[in-house]
Each structure stands twice: as C-alpha cells, then as structure tokens.
Protein backbone atom coordinates (compact mmCIF):
# COMPACT_ATOMS: atom_id res chain seq x y z
CA MET A 1 0.00 0.00 0.00
CA LYS A 2 1.50 3.30 -1.10
CA MET A 3 0.78 6.29 1.09
CA GLY A 4 2.26 9.74 0.86
CA THR A 5 3.38 11.85 3.75
CA GLY A 6 2.09 15.16 2.45
CA GLY A 7 1.13 17.91 4.82
CA LYS A 8 -2.68 17.53 4.24
CA THR A 9 -3.04 13.80 4.98
CA TRP A 10 -0.30 12.89 7.45
CA GLU A 11 0.82 14.54 10.62
CA ARG A 12 4.30 13.85 11.95
CA THR A 13 4.89 13.22 15.67
CA ASN A 14 7.94 13.65 17.85
CA VAL A 15 8.46 9.86 17.69
CA THR A 16 10.41 8.44 14.75
CA ASN A 17 8.29 6.24 12.41
CA LEU A 18 5.05 7.22 14.17
CA LEU A 19 2.55 9.23 12.10
CA ARG A 20 -1.10 10.25 12.50
CA ASN A 21 -3.77 10.33 9.83
CA ARG A 22 -5.35 13.80 10.04
CA GLN A 23 -8.73 12.67 8.70
CA SER A 24 -9.31 9.57 10.86
CA GLY A 25 -7.06 10.44 13.80
CA THR A 26 -5.59 6.90 13.71
CA TYR A 27 -1.86 6.42 14.27
CA TYR A 28 0.32 4.45 11.83
CA ALA A 29 3.78 2.90 11.96
CA ARG A 30 6.12 3.49 9.03
CA VAL A 31 8.91 0.91 8.92
CA LYS A 32 11.64 0.43 6.33
CA VAL A 33 12.59 -3.25 5.83
CA ASN A 34 14.96 -4.59 3.17
CA GLY A 35 14.83 -1.25 1.35
CA LYS A 36 11.04 -1.18 1.23
CA GLN A 37 8.80 1.14 3.19
CA LYS A 38 5.89 -0.53 5.00
CA TRP A 39 2.91 1.10 6.66
CA ARG A 40 0.91 -0.58 9.42
CA THR A 41 -2.08 0.78 11.26
CA LEU A 42 -1.74 0.77 15.04
CA LYS A 43 -5.54 0.75 15.42
CA THR A 44 -5.61 3.48 18.05
CA LYS A 45 -6.20 7.21 18.27
CA LEU A 46 -4.36 7.55 21.57
CA PHE A 47 -0.79 8.78 21.27
CA SER A 48 0.37 6.99 24.46
CA VAL A 49 -0.99 3.65 23.24
CA ALA A 50 0.46 4.16 19.77
CA LYS A 51 3.94 4.69 21.22
CA LEU A 52 3.69 1.38 23.07
CA LYS A 53 2.49 -0.51 19.99
CA LEU A 54 5.09 1.00 17.67
CA GLY A 55 8.01 -1.00 19.12
CA ASP A 56 6.17 -4.30 18.70
CA VAL A 57 5.25 -3.54 15.10
CA GLU A 58 8.81 -2.50 14.21
CA ARG A 59 10.22 -5.66 15.79
CA ASP A 60 7.71 -7.95 14.06
CA GLU A 61 8.18 -6.37 10.64
CA ARG A 62 11.95 -6.54 10.82
CA ALA A 63 11.82 -10.13 12.02
CA GLN A 64 9.61 -11.06 9.06
CA GLY A 65 12.03 -9.24 6.81
CA MET A 66 14.93 -11.26 8.17
CA VAL A 67 13.02 -14.51 7.58
CA ALA A 68 12.18 -13.49 4.03
CA ALA A 69 15.81 -12.56 3.37
CA ALA A 70 16.99 -15.85 4.87
CA GLU A 71 14.65 -17.87 2.66
CA ALA A 72 16.13 -16.20 -0.38
CA LEU A 73 19.67 -17.23 0.59
CA PRO A 74 21.20 -20.63 -0.25
CA GLU A 75 21.86 -23.23 2.44
CA GLY A 76 25.40 -23.16 3.82
CA GLY A 77 27.60 -24.57 6.55
CA GLU A 78 28.25 -21.08 7.89
CA THR A 79 24.63 -20.79 9.02
CA THR A 80 23.91 -24.30 10.27
CA VAL A 81 23.06 -24.75 13.93
CA GLU A 82 25.96 -27.20 14.20
CA ARG A 83 28.40 -24.31 13.82
CA PHE A 84 26.93 -22.47 16.79
CA ILE A 85 26.69 -25.64 18.89
CA ASN A 86 30.43 -26.12 18.37
CA ILE A 87 31.13 -22.51 19.33
CA TYR A 88 29.06 -22.96 22.50
CA LEU A 89 30.91 -26.14 23.46
CA THR A 90 34.29 -24.53 22.77
CA ARG A 91 33.45 -21.49 24.90
CA THR A 92 32.26 -23.78 27.68
CA LYS A 93 35.44 -25.84 27.56
CA ASN A 94 37.76 -22.82 27.57
CA ASP A 95 35.96 -20.69 30.16
CA PRO A 96 38.21 -20.60 33.26
CA ALA A 97 35.39 -19.23 35.40
CA LEU A 98 33.29 -22.38 34.98
CA MET A 99 33.71 -25.29 37.37
CA PRO A 100 34.21 -28.81 35.91
CA ALA A 101 30.77 -29.86 37.12
CA THR A 102 29.15 -26.92 35.30
CA LYS A 103 31.03 -27.74 32.10
CA SER A 104 29.94 -31.35 32.36
CA ARG A 105 26.29 -30.38 32.87
CA ARG A 106 26.38 -28.15 29.78
CA GLU A 107 27.89 -30.90 27.65
CA ILE A 108 25.26 -33.36 28.90
CA ALA A 109 22.53 -30.83 28.05
CA VAL A 110 23.82 -30.52 24.48
CA LYS A 111 23.84 -34.32 24.12
CA ALA A 112 20.27 -34.43 25.36
CA ILE A 113 19.24 -31.76 22.85
CA LEU A 114 20.83 -33.70 20.00
CA LYS A 115 19.10 -36.91 21.07
CA THR A 116 15.70 -35.29 21.20
CA TRP A 117 16.14 -33.03 18.13
CA ARG A 118 18.19 -35.15 15.75
CA ASP A 119 18.04 -32.94 12.66
CA LEU A 120 18.87 -29.73 14.54
CA PRO A 121 22.63 -29.61 13.70
CA LEU A 122 21.89 -29.60 9.95
CA ARG A 123 19.12 -27.00 10.20
CA ASP A 124 19.78 -23.48 9.01
CA ALA A 125 19.81 -21.27 12.11
CA ARG A 126 18.00 -18.57 10.12
CA ARG A 127 15.03 -20.85 9.53
CA VAL A 128 14.48 -22.27 13.02
CA THR A 129 11.26 -20.74 14.36
CA PRO A 130 9.69 -20.41 17.82
CA THR A 131 7.13 -23.00 16.68
CA ASP A 132 9.96 -25.47 15.96
CA CYS A 133 11.29 -24.91 19.48
CA GLN A 134 7.85 -25.40 21.01
CA LYS A 135 7.45 -28.70 19.16
CA TRP A 136 10.87 -29.86 20.38
CA ALA A 137 10.00 -28.86 23.96
CA ALA A 138 6.76 -30.84 23.90
CA LYS A 139 8.50 -33.93 22.51
CA ALA A 140 11.44 -33.70 24.94
CA GLN A 141 9.19 -33.42 27.96
CA ARG A 142 6.93 -36.19 26.69
CA GLU A 143 9.51 -38.74 25.48
CA GLY A 144 12.86 -37.72 26.98
CA THR A 145 16.18 -39.11 25.74
CA GLY A 146 15.38 -42.75 26.49
CA PHE A 147 18.36 -43.04 28.83
CA VAL A 148 17.91 -45.44 31.73
CA ALA A 149 20.45 -45.37 34.56
CA PRO A 150 22.09 -48.68 35.51
CA LYS A 151 20.21 -50.52 38.28
CA ALA A 152 17.40 -47.98 38.11
CA LYS A 153 14.37 -49.11 40.12
CA THR A 154 11.98 -46.92 38.14
CA VAL A 155 12.08 -45.74 34.54
CA ARG A 156 11.21 -42.08 34.01
CA LYS A 157 8.90 -41.29 31.13
CA GLY A 158 9.96 -38.05 29.54
CA MET A 159 12.62 -35.56 30.57
CA SER A 160 12.85 -34.30 34.13
CA ALA A 161 12.15 -30.63 34.78
CA SER A 162 15.75 -30.04 35.84
CA ALA A 163 17.23 -31.70 32.74
CA PHE A 164 14.77 -29.93 30.45
CA ASN A 165 15.56 -26.51 31.93
CA LYS A 166 19.30 -27.06 31.42
CA CYS A 167 18.58 -27.94 27.77
CA VAL A 168 16.54 -24.75 27.34
CA ASP A 169 19.41 -22.69 28.79
CA ALA A 170 21.89 -24.31 26.42
CA LEU A 171 19.62 -23.96 23.38
CA ARG A 172 18.90 -20.31 24.16
CA THR A 173 22.63 -19.55 24.41
CA ILE A 174 23.36 -21.41 21.16
CA PHE A 175 20.90 -19.24 19.23
CA GLU A 176 22.13 -16.14 21.05
CA ILE A 177 25.54 -16.92 19.56
CA ALA A 178 23.87 -17.08 16.14
CA ARG A 179 22.54 -13.58 16.82
CA GLU A 180 26.01 -12.39 17.81
CA HIS A 181 27.28 -13.54 14.42
CA GLY A 182 24.52 -11.69 12.58
CA VAL A 183 22.89 -14.87 11.30
CA ALA A 184 19.59 -14.61 13.21
CA TYR A 185 17.59 -11.49 14.00
CA GLN A 186 15.53 -13.03 16.80
CA ASN A 187 16.27 -15.86 19.20
CA PRO A 188 13.57 -18.51 18.56
CA VAL A 189 14.04 -19.90 22.08
CA GLU A 190 13.14 -16.57 23.74
CA SER A 191 9.47 -17.48 24.15
CA LEU A 192 10.16 -21.01 25.41
CA SER A 193 9.11 -21.42 29.03
CA LYS A 194 11.02 -23.56 31.50
CA ALA A 195 9.42 -26.48 33.29
CA ARG A 196 8.18 -25.88 36.79
CA MET A 197 10.44 -27.45 39.38
CA ARG A 198 8.87 -29.40 42.21
CA GLN A 199 10.25 -28.24 45.53
CA LYS A 200 11.81 -31.14 47.39
CA ARG A 201 10.27 -31.62 50.81
CA LEU A 202 13.03 -31.78 53.38
CA GLU A 203 12.70 -34.67 55.81
CA LEU A 204 15.65 -34.24 58.12
CA PRO A 205 16.45 -36.04 61.38
CA SER A 206 15.96 -34.39 64.76
CA VAL A 207 18.99 -33.51 66.89
CA LYS A 208 18.53 -36.71 68.89
CA ALA A 209 18.20 -38.83 65.74
CA PHE A 210 21.27 -37.19 64.17
CA HIS A 211 23.45 -38.06 67.16
CA ALA A 212 22.12 -41.64 66.98
CA ILE A 213 23.11 -41.76 63.29
CA VAL A 214 26.63 -40.51 64.06
CA ARG A 215 26.97 -43.04 66.86
CA ASN A 216 25.82 -45.89 64.58
CA VAL A 217 28.31 -44.86 61.87
CA SER A 218 31.17 -44.58 64.37
CA GLU A 219 30.44 -47.94 66.03
CA ALA A 220 29.75 -49.94 62.86
CA GLY A 221 32.97 -51.89 63.35
CA ALA A 222 34.49 -51.25 59.94
CA ARG A 223 38.12 -50.15 59.59
CA GLN A 224 37.17 -46.59 58.68
CA SER A 225 34.01 -46.23 60.77
CA LYS A 226 35.38 -43.32 62.82
CA ASP A 227 36.61 -41.60 59.67
CA CYS A 228 33.12 -41.95 58.16
CA ALA A 229 31.62 -40.46 61.31
CA ASP A 230 34.07 -37.53 61.00
CA LEU A 231 32.81 -36.88 57.48
CA VAL A 232 29.15 -37.02 58.54
CA ARG A 233 29.75 -34.55 61.34
CA PHE A 234 31.90 -32.22 59.24
CA LEU A 235 29.20 -31.97 56.56
CA ALA A 236 26.50 -31.30 59.15
CA TYR A 237 28.61 -28.80 61.14
CA SER A 238 30.01 -26.81 58.17
CA GLY A 239 27.36 -26.95 55.43
CA ALA A 240 30.07 -27.87 52.91
CA ARG A 241 29.29 -29.90 49.82
CA ILE A 242 30.90 -33.34 49.74
CA SER A 243 33.43 -32.23 47.09
CA GLU A 244 34.27 -29.13 49.13
CA ALA A 245 34.76 -31.17 52.31
CA ASN A 246 37.19 -33.46 50.50
CA ALA A 247 39.29 -30.44 49.48
CA VAL A 248 39.79 -29.11 53.02
CA ARG A 249 43.35 -29.32 54.40
CA TRP A 250 44.68 -28.47 57.86
CA ARG A 251 46.19 -25.27 56.44
CA ASP A 252 42.65 -24.04 55.73
CA CYS A 253 41.94 -23.86 59.46
CA ASP A 254 42.77 -20.47 60.97
CA TRP A 255 42.65 -21.15 64.70
CA GLU A 256 43.61 -17.64 65.76
CA LYS A 257 40.76 -15.99 63.84
CA GLY A 258 38.40 -18.88 64.41
CA ARG A 259 37.53 -19.56 60.78
CA ILE A 260 38.02 -22.12 58.04
CA ALA A 261 38.39 -21.67 54.28
CA ILE A 262 36.03 -23.66 52.07
CA HIS A 263 37.14 -24.01 48.46
CA GLY A 264 33.99 -23.83 46.33
CA THR A 265 33.53 -26.46 43.65
CA LYS A 266 30.23 -25.33 42.08
CA SER A 267 31.20 -21.84 40.94
CA ALA A 268 33.94 -19.27 41.36
CA SER A 269 31.76 -17.34 43.81
CA SER A 270 31.33 -20.35 46.10
CA ASP A 271 34.81 -19.92 47.59
CA ARG A 272 34.20 -18.69 51.13
CA VAL A 273 35.45 -18.42 54.69
CA ILE A 274 33.11 -19.58 57.44
CA PRO A 275 33.38 -19.41 61.24
CA ILE A 276 34.59 -22.46 63.12
CA PHE A 277 31.25 -23.04 64.83
CA PRO A 278 31.37 -24.59 68.34
CA PRO A 279 30.31 -28.09 67.14
CA LEU A 280 32.86 -27.87 64.31
CA ALA A 281 35.59 -26.73 66.71
CA GLY A 282 34.86 -29.73 68.94
CA LEU A 283 35.11 -32.08 65.95
CA LEU A 284 38.43 -30.62 64.76
CA GLU A 285 39.93 -30.83 68.24
CA GLU A 286 38.78 -34.43 68.55
CA ILE A 287 40.37 -35.37 65.21
CA ARG A 288 43.68 -33.71 66.17
CA ALA A 289 43.72 -35.48 69.54
CA ARG A 290 43.10 -38.84 67.87
CA ARG A 291 45.52 -38.46 64.95
CA GLY A 292 48.17 -36.17 66.44
CA LYS A 293 49.69 -33.17 64.71
CA GLU A 294 49.85 -33.67 60.94
CA PRO A 295 51.44 -31.65 58.09
CA VAL A 296 49.36 -28.67 56.93
CA ASP A 297 48.76 -30.14 53.47
CA VAL A 298 47.18 -33.36 54.81
CA PRO A 299 43.42 -33.68 54.11
CA LEU A 300 41.26 -33.07 57.13
CA LEU A 301 39.03 -36.03 56.23
CA ARG A 302 40.30 -39.48 55.39
CA VAL A 303 37.30 -40.80 53.47
CA HIS A 304 35.74 -39.25 50.37
CA GLU A 305 32.21 -40.58 50.88
CA CYS A 306 30.14 -42.64 53.29
CA LYS A 307 26.86 -43.31 51.51
CA GLY A 308 26.64 -46.95 52.52
CA ALA A 309 27.56 -46.31 56.15
CA LEU A 310 25.09 -43.41 56.33
CA ARG A 311 22.27 -45.47 54.88
CA SER A 312 22.87 -48.36 57.27
CA ALA A 313 23.13 -46.00 60.26
CA CYS A 314 19.80 -44.36 59.38
CA GLN A 315 18.09 -47.73 59.12
CA ALA A 316 19.51 -48.75 62.50
CA ALA A 317 18.24 -45.48 64.01
CA GLY A 318 14.80 -46.00 62.51
CA VAL A 319 14.80 -42.81 60.43
CA LYS A 320 14.49 -42.10 56.74
CA PRO A 321 17.88 -42.48 54.97
CA ILE A 322 19.66 -39.21 54.28
CA THR A 323 22.37 -38.28 51.77
CA HIS A 324 25.58 -36.27 51.94
CA HIS A 325 23.69 -33.26 50.58
CA ASP A 326 20.94 -33.67 53.18
CA LEU A 327 23.59 -32.98 55.82
CA ARG A 328 24.17 -29.60 54.13
CA HIS A 329 20.42 -28.97 54.40
CA LEU A 330 20.58 -30.04 58.04
CA PHE A 331 23.30 -27.46 58.72
CA ALA A 332 21.24 -24.66 57.14
CA THR A 333 18.10 -25.71 58.99
CA ARG A 334 19.87 -25.79 62.36
CA CYS A 335 21.35 -22.35 61.72
CA ILE A 336 17.99 -20.80 60.84
CA GLU A 337 16.27 -22.49 63.77
CA SER A 338 19.00 -21.07 66.01
CA GLY A 339 18.05 -17.56 64.91
CA VAL A 340 20.67 -16.88 62.20
CA ASP A 341 19.21 -14.73 59.41
CA ILE A 342 18.86 -16.34 55.99
CA PRO A 343 21.24 -13.97 54.08
CA THR A 344 24.04 -14.90 56.52
CA VAL A 345 23.29 -18.62 56.21
CA SER A 346 23.27 -18.16 52.45
CA ARG A 347 26.80 -16.71 52.54
CA TRP A 348 27.99 -19.60 54.72
CA LEU A 349 26.58 -21.99 52.12
CA GLY A 350 28.45 -20.24 49.31
CA HIS A 351 25.38 -18.83 47.54
CA SER A 352 25.80 -15.58 45.63
CA ASP A 353 22.13 -14.60 45.30
CA GLY A 354 21.72 -12.81 48.61
CA GLY A 355 19.56 -15.55 50.10
CA ALA A 356 16.92 -16.06 47.37
CA LEU A 357 17.65 -19.78 46.96
CA ALA A 358 17.94 -20.30 50.71
CA MET A 359 14.60 -18.55 51.22
CA ARG A 360 12.91 -20.87 48.72
CA THR A 361 14.53 -23.96 50.20
CA TYR A 362 14.34 -23.25 53.90
CA GLY A 363 11.45 -20.80 54.11
CA HIS A 364 9.29 -23.55 55.58
CA LEU A 365 11.16 -25.40 58.31
CA ARG A 366 10.13 -28.48 60.22
CA GLN A 367 6.57 -28.34 61.54
CA GLU A 368 7.58 -28.74 65.16
CA HIS A 369 9.80 -25.64 64.95
CA SER A 370 7.01 -23.65 63.32
CA THR A 371 4.61 -24.70 66.09
CA ALA A 372 7.11 -23.74 68.79
CA GLN A 373 7.59 -20.29 67.22
CA ALA A 374 3.84 -19.79 66.88
CA ALA A 375 3.50 -20.13 70.64
CA LYS A 376 5.52 -16.91 71.02
CA VAL A 377 2.94 -14.82 69.16
CA HIS A 378 0.76 -12.77 71.50
CA TYR A 379 -1.59 -9.80 71.25
C-alpha cells in the first residue's frame, strides 16, 4: 500500500516512524525493511498507546524481513546450527570461570538436545522458528532421551524438569551466539518457558536422631568407621558440599581468627570463609587429639564418601535415609532455627544470590519448629 506523507493527509509526531492520519485520527507505523517502506495501522487514536504498539510492530516487521531474506539465501555450513553448537561447546570448555561440574552439565545438556532433536545440527539457524522450538519442547518433555540409569528401580517417562531446563538454557545460548554472528535477528528460544520445578520436601532427622546416626556410623565396626563419622559430622557442622569437604586441608583452618576456608567447587563465587562453629571446633579438636599433629597439606578427612555407612546407620536409628547433601540442608536448617538470618546462612553456604535460593529452600522449616515459634505470638 502506497501512502504519501504530504502535509494535508499525514501529521508527523515527535516519535520516529510514528505518524497520524489527520482525517481519521488513527496512528500508523512506518517501517523500512529490506529497502522497502511498509505502513501498518496501530488501530488506536491515543498517542500513548500508539507509542507502546510501535516497538512491537517494528520488531515484528523486521523479524519477518529477516526470515524473508533468509529464505532467499542458499543453504550453507556457515549458518547451520551445528556451527553455533560447536562454538558454544568450545566457549564452555575454555571458560576458566566455569567449574568442571558446570562444564559437564552443559555438555550433557547438548547431548540431550541432539538426542531429542536429531536434525537440529543440519538445520539453518536462520530458519528455526519459535514453533519449531515449542514442538521440540513438547517432545522432549513427553519422550525424553530414552536413557535409563544402571540398576534404576523406576524408569522415568519423559525428561525431568531439571534436565529440560538445562537444555533450554543451552539452546537459548546457542541461538544467542547465532545472533552475535549476525545470522539470526531473533532468538527462537526466547518465548520457550522452562518447566516448573517441584520443591523437594526436606525430611531431616531431629537432633537426637542425628546423634544416633553418628553413633551408629562410628560404632559400625568397619576399619574406617570413625573416619566416616568424622565426614558425617563435618558436613552437618560446616554446610560444605561433599566435594568441598574433600578439598579441606589443615592449612585451611585459621585457629587464631576462628575460621576455616572452604574451596567452592560449584562456581567461582562459592569460595568462602566460614566461622569455626562450636560443634565444628569440637570435631576438629577431637580429630587432632586422635591423629596427632599432621602436616598442613594433609586432608582433614580421610574418606571421600560414606553413603553406605550413612544409609545403614539411618536404618539402625529407625529414620528415613539421608544423603551427603541432606547434611548440608541439616546445617542450614539448624542455623535458621537457632536464629541466624537467611542472608548470613546463604553466605555460609556459598550462595551468591543474597539468600533467594535459601529462602525458597528453607522458608518452611520443620513443623515442630514452626509450632514452637507460633506459641511466642501474642496480642
């Protein structure tokens, strides 16, 4: 549709590409795409509404123009998704700020994407649409990768929310790289929603049950029973992840300042220094008394894991089995129940979000604690 911009018919505004029809009072968008001028009615006579609609119209028109231009171009290896997948994997591998576990998760996510979207690498990145991504998302969540873990008691149908969300993150970044290289105008993954994560309900042992578990581990009669008990107590008294606990050496303990350095393994920001809490101080003193003075580079803990011993000890104590990571949750719960504010606990855990994750995880503590606190409310 050809329309002039003469003084009698069209009235300019102080907003670029926004014009008003003098006769009808309706506002129009004038957008130039691929050398051609396009006019679109904004279907409003209100200037404030027209300004809001203008951005959407400009974006949509230019996106359509990019698609049309892409369809006119020949297929080529420079624009295939495979190229941008390889760039993503290379960046992940060479990024010194990423922890090995994070790199591994990203690589696993890419493998999952390729298993659930087999023709993606050969697709032209310019021609992948939001609809294509929605179809992939539905299939991935419905069918999954088909992987079944060895000795799995149950077989999951479809992809878990956690795995799916990691795939969405990876896919979004891959197409963002395509945008960086000028291949795509819009990221087709932008509108893709992540799966809702189910909050795990924490079922942690009471103080009495925890001490029973430690006692059962220590008195199991195995050669390293006491060492396993040391690990259980260290995890519960420090809030360290199992990999972080294994990295602690005697040199990390600053007795004069009463603190211990924890070397983060999840991200660069998870490196932290925490106080030597009274229970932790008692444990460290007990280990030194039992083993004598050791070189500063000797690991504080002699065993790397104690899953079997922990499971057996829980069964003997008559409580639900807990994991290494549950002991980290136990630490955080005890701190909050002792009156420590959540942002401080979050820093002790090595979180960098100011307490947002801790608030979601520990906002609702054990029912008996909530009941006890409720008794303090008076009017």
